[in-house]
């Protein structure tokens, strides 16, 4: 497999920035134009992971609507849902759950993270 060009690396860097910044419409347009909804960075973080961790529920929803996997773990075995719990982002937690995220996925799982931080609000959301 050949190494990606500098142009592709720069494009991917901009796209990951859009996910972190919650630039939903622009990011959605890039995905609609062919950027992979499950694109990962060098740490295995997907666009969904970055949007979730930075509290952008609308961006998470847009990515999930375009086929992003809500349960894809990064290289550390962390799920987007656990990241949203860690950052105490109830709106993102709801968006991920609505999109099929598994509260038991990853290490620690979202449920384990909510328990660890004593976050009863999110723990309630995560219970079936």
N, C-alpha and C. Protein backbone atom coordinates (compact mmCIF):
# COMPACT_ATOMS: atom_id res chain seq x y z
N UNK A 1 0.84 -1.18 0.00
CA UNK A 1 0.00 0.00 0.00
C UNK A 1 0.89 1.24 0.00
N UNK A 2 0.60 2.18 -0.87
CA UNK A 2 1.43 3.38 -0.97
C UNK A 2 1.08 4.39 0.13
N UNK A 3 2.06 5.20 0.43
CA UNK A 3 1.87 6.25 1.44
C UNK A 3 0.94 7.32 0.87
N UNK A 4 0.07 7.92 1.72
CA UNK A 4 -0.80 8.99 1.22
C UNK A 4 0.03 10.23 0.87
N UNK A 5 -0.45 10.98 -0.09
CA UNK A 5 0.23 12.19 -0.50
C UNK A 5 0.12 13.27 0.57
N UNK A 6 0.97 14.27 0.47
CA UNK A 6 0.90 15.40 1.41
C UNK A 6 -0.46 16.08 1.33
N UNK A 7 -1.01 16.16 0.12
CA UNK A 7 -2.33 16.79 -0.06
C UNK A 7 -3.41 16.02 0.68
N UNK A 8 -3.34 14.69 0.61
CA UNK A 8 -4.35 13.88 1.32
C UNK A 8 -4.19 14.03 2.83
N UNK A 9 -2.97 14.03 3.31
CA UNK A 9 -2.73 14.19 4.75
C UNK A 9 -3.26 15.54 5.21
N UNK A 10 -3.02 16.58 4.41
CA UNK A 10 -3.52 17.91 4.77
C UNK A 10 -5.05 17.94 4.77
N UNK A 11 -5.66 17.31 3.78
CA UNK A 11 -7.12 17.25 3.72
C UNK A 11 -7.67 16.53 4.94
N UNK A 12 -7.11 15.37 5.26
CA UNK A 12 -7.58 14.62 6.42
C UNK A 12 -7.41 15.43 7.69
N UNK A 13 -6.32 16.14 7.81
CA UNK A 13 -6.09 16.98 8.98
C UNK A 13 -7.20 18.03 9.11
N UNK A 14 -7.56 18.65 8.00
CA UNK A 14 -8.65 19.64 8.02
C UNK A 14 -9.97 18.98 8.42
N UNK A 15 -10.22 17.80 7.90
CA UNK A 15 -11.47 17.09 8.20
C UNK A 15 -11.54 16.73 9.68
N UNK A 16 -10.43 16.24 10.25
CA UNK A 16 -10.42 15.94 11.69
C UNK A 16 -10.65 17.22 12.50
N UNK A 17 -10.10 18.33 12.06
CA UNK A 17 -10.34 19.61 12.72
C UNK A 17 -11.81 19.99 12.69
N UNK A 18 -12.47 19.74 11.57
CA UNK A 18 -13.91 20.02 11.46
C UNK A 18 -14.70 19.22 12.48
N UNK A 19 -14.33 17.96 12.68
CA UNK A 19 -15.01 17.12 13.67
C UNK A 19 -14.80 17.68 15.08
N UNK A 20 -13.55 18.05 15.39
CA UNK A 20 -13.24 18.60 16.72
C UNK A 20 -13.96 19.92 16.97
N UNK A 21 -14.10 20.71 15.92
CA UNK A 21 -14.69 22.05 16.05
C UNK A 21 -16.20 22.05 15.91
N UNK A 22 -16.79 20.92 15.51
CA UNK A 22 -18.24 20.85 15.35
C UNK A 22 -18.75 21.58 14.12
N UNK A 23 -17.95 21.59 13.07
CA UNK A 23 -18.36 22.23 11.82
C UNK A 23 -19.19 21.24 11.00
N UNK A 24 -20.41 21.03 11.47
CA UNK A 24 -21.27 19.96 10.99
C UNK A 24 -21.54 20.03 9.50
N UNK A 25 -22.02 21.16 9.02
CA UNK A 25 -22.41 21.25 7.61
C UNK A 25 -21.23 21.02 6.68
N UNK A 26 -20.10 21.62 6.99
CA UNK A 26 -18.92 21.47 6.14
C UNK A 26 -18.42 20.03 6.17
N UNK A 27 -18.35 19.46 7.36
CA UNK A 27 -17.90 18.07 7.49
C UNK A 27 -18.84 17.13 6.76
N UNK A 28 -20.14 17.33 6.92
CA UNK A 28 -21.12 16.48 6.24
C UNK A 28 -20.95 16.56 4.72
N UNK A 29 -20.65 17.76 4.22
CA UNK A 29 -20.45 17.92 2.78
C UNK A 29 -19.22 17.14 2.31
N UNK A 30 -18.16 17.14 3.11
CA UNK A 30 -16.96 16.37 2.76
C UNK A 30 -17.26 14.87 2.76
N UNK A 31 -18.02 14.40 3.74
CA UNK A 31 -18.38 12.98 3.78
C UNK A 31 -19.29 12.65 2.60
N UNK A 32 -20.24 13.52 2.32
CA UNK A 32 -21.12 13.30 1.17
C UNK A 32 -20.33 13.25 -0.13
N UNK A 33 -19.21 13.98 -0.18
CA UNK A 33 -18.38 14.02 -1.39
C UNK A 33 -17.38 12.86 -1.48
N UNK A 34 -17.32 12.02 -0.43
CA UNK A 34 -16.48 10.84 -0.53
C UNK A 34 -15.48 10.58 0.58
N UNK A 35 -15.31 11.52 1.51
CA UNK A 35 -14.45 11.23 2.67
C UNK A 35 -15.14 10.13 3.48
N UNK A 36 -14.39 9.15 3.91
CA UNK A 36 -14.97 8.02 4.66
C UNK A 36 -15.55 8.48 5.99
N UNK A 37 -16.77 8.07 6.27
CA UNK A 37 -17.42 8.43 7.54
C UNK A 37 -16.68 7.82 8.73
N UNK A 38 -15.95 6.74 8.49
CA UNK A 38 -15.18 6.08 9.56
C UNK A 38 -13.69 6.34 9.46
N UNK A 39 -13.31 7.46 8.84
CA UNK A 39 -11.91 7.84 8.74
C UNK A 39 -11.30 7.91 10.14
N UNK A 40 -10.08 7.36 10.28
CA UNK A 40 -9.41 7.39 11.58
C UNK A 40 -8.08 8.11 11.47
N UNK A 41 -7.68 8.71 12.58
CA UNK A 41 -6.37 9.37 12.62
C UNK A 41 -5.30 8.37 13.08
N UNK A 42 -4.11 8.87 13.36
CA UNK A 42 -3.00 7.99 13.72
C UNK A 42 -3.15 7.34 15.09
N UNK A 43 -4.17 7.72 15.86
CA UNK A 43 -4.45 7.10 17.16
C UNK A 43 -5.72 6.23 17.11
N UNK A 44 -6.26 6.09 15.89
CA UNK A 44 -7.45 5.28 15.74
C UNK A 44 -8.74 6.01 16.08
N UNK A 45 -8.65 7.33 16.34
CA UNK A 45 -9.85 8.11 16.64
C UNK A 45 -10.62 8.37 15.35
N UNK A 46 -11.90 8.06 15.36
CA UNK A 46 -12.74 8.35 14.20
C UNK A 46 -13.25 9.78 14.29
N UNK A 47 -13.87 10.22 13.22
CA UNK A 47 -14.51 11.53 13.22
C UNK A 47 -15.57 11.59 14.31
N UNK A 48 -16.31 10.49 14.50
CA UNK A 48 -17.33 10.44 15.55
C UNK A 48 -16.69 10.59 16.93
N UNK A 49 -15.58 9.90 17.14
CA UNK A 49 -14.90 10.00 18.43
C UNK A 49 -14.51 11.45 18.71
N UNK A 50 -13.93 12.12 17.74
CA UNK A 50 -13.47 13.49 17.95
C UNK A 50 -14.65 14.43 18.18
N UNK A 51 -15.71 14.28 17.40
CA UNK A 51 -16.89 15.12 17.59
C UNK A 51 -17.53 14.86 18.95
N UNK A 52 -17.61 13.59 19.34
CA UNK A 52 -18.21 13.23 20.63
C UNK A 52 -17.40 13.78 21.79
N UNK A 53 -16.10 13.60 21.74
CA UNK A 53 -15.22 14.02 22.82
C UNK A 53 -15.25 15.54 23.01
N UNK A 54 -15.49 16.25 21.92
CA UNK A 54 -15.50 17.71 21.98
C UNK A 54 -16.91 18.28 22.10
N UNK A 55 -17.91 17.41 22.34
CA UNK A 55 -19.24 17.86 22.70
C UNK A 55 -20.14 18.32 21.57
N UNK A 56 -19.97 17.79 20.38
CA UNK A 56 -20.75 18.25 19.23
C UNK A 56 -21.80 17.22 18.82
N UNK A 57 -22.93 17.25 19.50
CA UNK A 57 -24.00 16.27 19.25
C UNK A 57 -24.51 16.33 17.82
N UNK A 58 -24.69 17.52 17.26
CA UNK A 58 -25.20 17.62 15.89
C UNK A 58 -24.22 17.02 14.89
N UNK A 59 -22.94 17.20 15.13
CA UNK A 59 -21.92 16.62 14.25
C UNK A 59 -21.94 15.11 14.35
N UNK A 60 -22.07 14.60 15.58
CA UNK A 60 -22.17 13.16 15.79
C UNK A 60 -23.38 12.61 15.01
N UNK A 61 -24.53 13.26 15.16
CA UNK A 61 -25.74 12.81 14.45
C UNK A 61 -25.52 12.78 12.95
N UNK A 62 -24.94 13.85 12.41
CA UNK A 62 -24.72 13.93 10.96
C UNK A 62 -23.80 12.81 10.48
N UNK A 63 -22.76 12.52 11.24
CA UNK A 63 -21.85 11.43 10.86
C UNK A 63 -22.54 10.08 10.93
N UNK A 64 -23.32 9.85 11.98
CA UNK A 64 -24.04 8.58 12.11
C UNK A 64 -25.04 8.41 10.97
N UNK A 65 -25.70 9.49 10.58
CA UNK A 65 -26.65 9.44 9.46
C UNK A 65 -25.94 9.08 8.15
N UNK A 66 -24.65 9.31 8.10
CA UNK A 66 -23.87 9.03 6.89
C UNK A 66 -23.08 7.72 7.01
N UNK A 67 -23.46 6.89 7.97
CA UNK A 67 -22.89 5.55 8.07
C UNK A 67 -21.72 5.36 9.00
N UNK A 68 -21.38 6.38 9.79
CA UNK A 68 -20.28 6.22 10.74
C UNK A 68 -20.66 5.19 11.80
N UNK A 69 -19.68 4.43 12.25
CA UNK A 69 -19.88 3.37 13.24
C UNK A 69 -19.79 3.98 14.65
N UNK A 70 -20.88 3.95 15.42
CA UNK A 70 -20.84 4.54 16.77
C UNK A 70 -20.04 3.71 17.77
N UNK A 71 -19.67 2.50 17.38
CA UNK A 71 -18.98 1.60 18.31
C UNK A 71 -17.52 1.34 17.94
N UNK A 72 -17.00 2.05 16.98
CA UNK A 72 -15.61 1.83 16.57
C UNK A 72 -14.67 2.34 17.65
N UNK A 73 -13.84 1.46 18.15
CA UNK A 73 -12.92 1.79 19.23
C UNK A 73 -11.64 2.38 18.67
N UNK A 74 -11.01 3.27 19.44
CA UNK A 74 -9.71 3.80 19.02
C UNK A 74 -8.61 2.81 19.42
N UNK A 75 -7.37 3.19 19.21
CA UNK A 75 -6.25 2.28 19.47
C UNK A 75 -6.07 1.96 20.95
N UNK A 76 -6.68 2.76 21.82
CA UNK A 76 -6.62 2.50 23.27
C UNK A 76 -7.82 1.69 23.75
N UNK A 77 -8.70 1.29 22.82
CA UNK A 77 -9.88 0.52 23.18
C UNK A 77 -11.02 1.35 23.72
N UNK A 78 -11.00 2.66 23.45
CA UNK A 78 -12.03 3.56 23.96
C UNK A 78 -13.11 3.77 22.91
N UNK A 79 -14.35 3.86 23.36
CA UNK A 79 -15.48 4.10 22.47
C UNK A 79 -15.86 5.58 22.48
N UNK A 80 -16.50 6.04 21.40
CA UNK A 80 -17.00 7.42 21.41
C UNK A 80 -17.95 7.67 22.58
N UNK A 81 -18.78 6.69 22.91
CA UNK A 81 -19.73 6.85 24.00
C UNK A 81 -19.02 7.05 25.34
N UNK A 82 -17.98 6.27 25.59
CA UNK A 82 -17.22 6.44 26.83
C UNK A 82 -16.54 7.81 26.85
N UNK A 83 -16.08 8.27 25.70
CA UNK A 83 -15.48 9.61 25.61
C UNK A 83 -16.48 10.69 25.97
N UNK A 84 -17.71 10.54 25.49
CA UNK A 84 -18.76 11.52 25.79
C UNK A 84 -19.13 11.48 27.27
N UNK A 85 -19.11 10.30 27.86
CA UNK A 85 -19.37 10.18 29.30
C UNK A 85 -18.25 10.84 30.08
N UNK A 86 -17.01 10.57 29.70
CA UNK A 86 -15.84 11.15 30.37
C UNK A 86 -15.93 12.68 30.35
N UNK A 87 -16.36 13.24 29.23
CA UNK A 87 -16.45 14.70 29.10
C UNK A 87 -17.78 15.25 29.62
N UNK A 88 -18.67 14.37 30.13
CA UNK A 88 -19.98 14.77 30.67
C UNK A 88 -20.79 15.55 29.64
N UNK A 89 -21.06 14.89 28.53
CA UNK A 89 -21.80 15.48 27.42
C UNK A 89 -23.11 14.72 27.20
N UNK A 90 -24.16 15.02 28.00
CA UNK A 90 -25.42 14.27 27.87
C UNK A 90 -26.04 14.31 26.48
N UNK A 91 -25.96 15.44 25.78
CA UNK A 91 -26.52 15.53 24.44
C UNK A 91 -25.83 14.60 23.46
N UNK A 92 -24.53 14.49 23.60
CA UNK A 92 -23.76 13.58 22.75
C UNK A 92 -24.06 12.13 23.12
N UNK A 93 -24.17 11.86 24.41
CA UNK A 93 -24.51 10.50 24.86
C UNK A 93 -25.85 10.09 24.24
N UNK A 94 -26.84 10.96 24.29
CA UNK A 94 -28.16 10.65 23.70
C UNK A 94 -28.05 10.41 22.20
N UNK A 95 -27.29 11.27 21.51
CA UNK A 95 -27.14 11.12 20.06
C UNK A 95 -26.49 9.78 19.72
N UNK A 96 -25.46 9.41 20.47
CA UNK A 96 -24.79 8.13 20.22
C UNK A 96 -25.70 6.95 20.52
N UNK A 97 -26.41 7.01 21.62
CA UNK A 97 -27.34 5.92 21.95
C UNK A 97 -28.42 5.80 20.88
N UNK A 98 -28.96 6.94 20.43
CA UNK A 98 -29.96 6.92 19.37
C UNK A 98 -29.40 6.33 18.08
N UNK A 99 -28.09 6.48 17.90
CA UNK A 99 -27.42 5.97 16.70
C UNK A 99 -26.92 4.54 16.84
N UNK A 100 -27.22 3.88 17.96
CA UNK A 100 -26.87 2.48 18.12
C UNK A 100 -25.62 2.19 18.92
N UNK A 101 -25.10 3.18 19.64
CA UNK A 101 -23.89 2.95 20.43
C UNK A 101 -24.16 1.95 21.55
N UNK A 102 -23.19 1.11 21.81
CA UNK A 102 -23.28 0.07 22.84
C UNK A 102 -22.64 0.58 24.14
N UNK A 103 -23.42 0.74 25.21
CA UNK A 103 -22.88 1.22 26.48
C UNK A 103 -21.83 0.30 27.10
N UNK A 104 -21.76 -0.95 26.65
CA UNK A 104 -20.79 -1.90 27.20
C UNK A 104 -19.51 -2.00 26.37
N UNK A 105 -19.44 -1.29 25.25
CA UNK A 105 -18.27 -1.39 24.37
C UNK A 105 -17.09 -0.62 24.94
N UNK A 106 -15.90 -1.16 24.70
CA UNK A 106 -14.68 -0.45 25.04
C UNK A 106 -14.19 -0.67 26.46
N UNK A 107 -13.00 -0.12 26.71
CA UNK A 107 -12.36 -0.24 28.01
C UNK A 107 -11.81 1.11 28.42
N UNK A 108 -12.33 1.74 29.46
CA UNK A 108 -13.53 1.31 30.15
C UNK A 108 -14.76 1.57 29.28
N UNK A 109 -15.81 0.84 29.55
CA UNK A 109 -17.06 1.06 28.82
C UNK A 109 -17.69 2.37 29.31
N UNK A 110 -18.69 2.82 28.59
CA UNK A 110 -19.40 4.04 29.00
C UNK A 110 -20.04 3.85 30.37
N UNK A 111 -20.61 2.67 30.60
CA UNK A 111 -21.23 2.38 31.90
C UNK A 111 -20.17 2.42 33.00
N UNK A 112 -19.03 1.80 32.76
CA UNK A 112 -17.95 1.81 33.75
C UNK A 112 -17.45 3.23 34.01
N UNK A 113 -17.34 4.03 32.96
CA UNK A 113 -16.89 5.41 33.13
C UNK A 113 -17.90 6.22 33.95
N UNK A 114 -19.18 6.04 33.67
CA UNK A 114 -20.20 6.76 34.43
C UNK A 114 -20.16 6.37 35.91
N UNK A 115 -19.97 5.09 36.16
CA UNK A 115 -19.85 4.63 37.56
C UNK A 115 -18.60 5.19 38.21
N UNK A 116 -17.49 5.16 37.49
CA UNK A 116 -16.21 5.64 38.01
C UNK A 116 -16.30 7.11 38.45
N UNK A 117 -17.03 7.90 37.67
CA UNK A 117 -17.15 9.33 37.97
C UNK A 117 -18.40 9.66 38.79
N UNK A 118 -19.16 8.63 39.17
CA UNK A 118 -20.36 8.87 39.96
C UNK A 118 -21.40 9.70 39.24
N UNK A 119 -21.46 9.59 37.92
CA UNK A 119 -22.39 10.37 37.13
C UNK A 119 -23.71 9.62 36.98
N UNK A 120 -24.59 9.83 37.94
CA UNK A 120 -25.86 9.09 37.96
C UNK A 120 -26.77 9.51 36.80
N UNK A 121 -26.68 10.77 36.35
CA UNK A 121 -27.51 11.22 35.23
C UNK A 121 -27.18 10.42 33.98
N UNK A 122 -25.89 10.31 33.67
CA UNK A 122 -25.51 9.57 32.47
C UNK A 122 -25.68 8.07 32.66
N UNK A 123 -25.46 7.60 33.86
CA UNK A 123 -25.67 6.17 34.14
C UNK A 123 -27.13 5.79 33.86
N UNK A 124 -28.05 6.67 34.24
CA UNK A 124 -29.48 6.42 33.97
C UNK A 124 -29.74 6.37 32.47
N UNK A 125 -29.11 7.27 31.71
CA UNK A 125 -29.29 7.26 30.25
C UNK A 125 -28.76 5.97 29.62
N UNK A 126 -27.71 5.43 30.22
CA UNK A 126 -27.04 4.25 29.64
C UNK A 126 -27.73 2.93 29.97
N UNK A 127 -28.63 2.95 30.93
CA UNK A 127 -29.31 1.71 31.33
C UNK A 127 -30.43 1.39 30.34
N UNK A 128 -30.57 0.11 29.97
CA UNK A 128 -31.63 -0.27 29.02
C UNK A 128 -33.02 -0.11 29.61
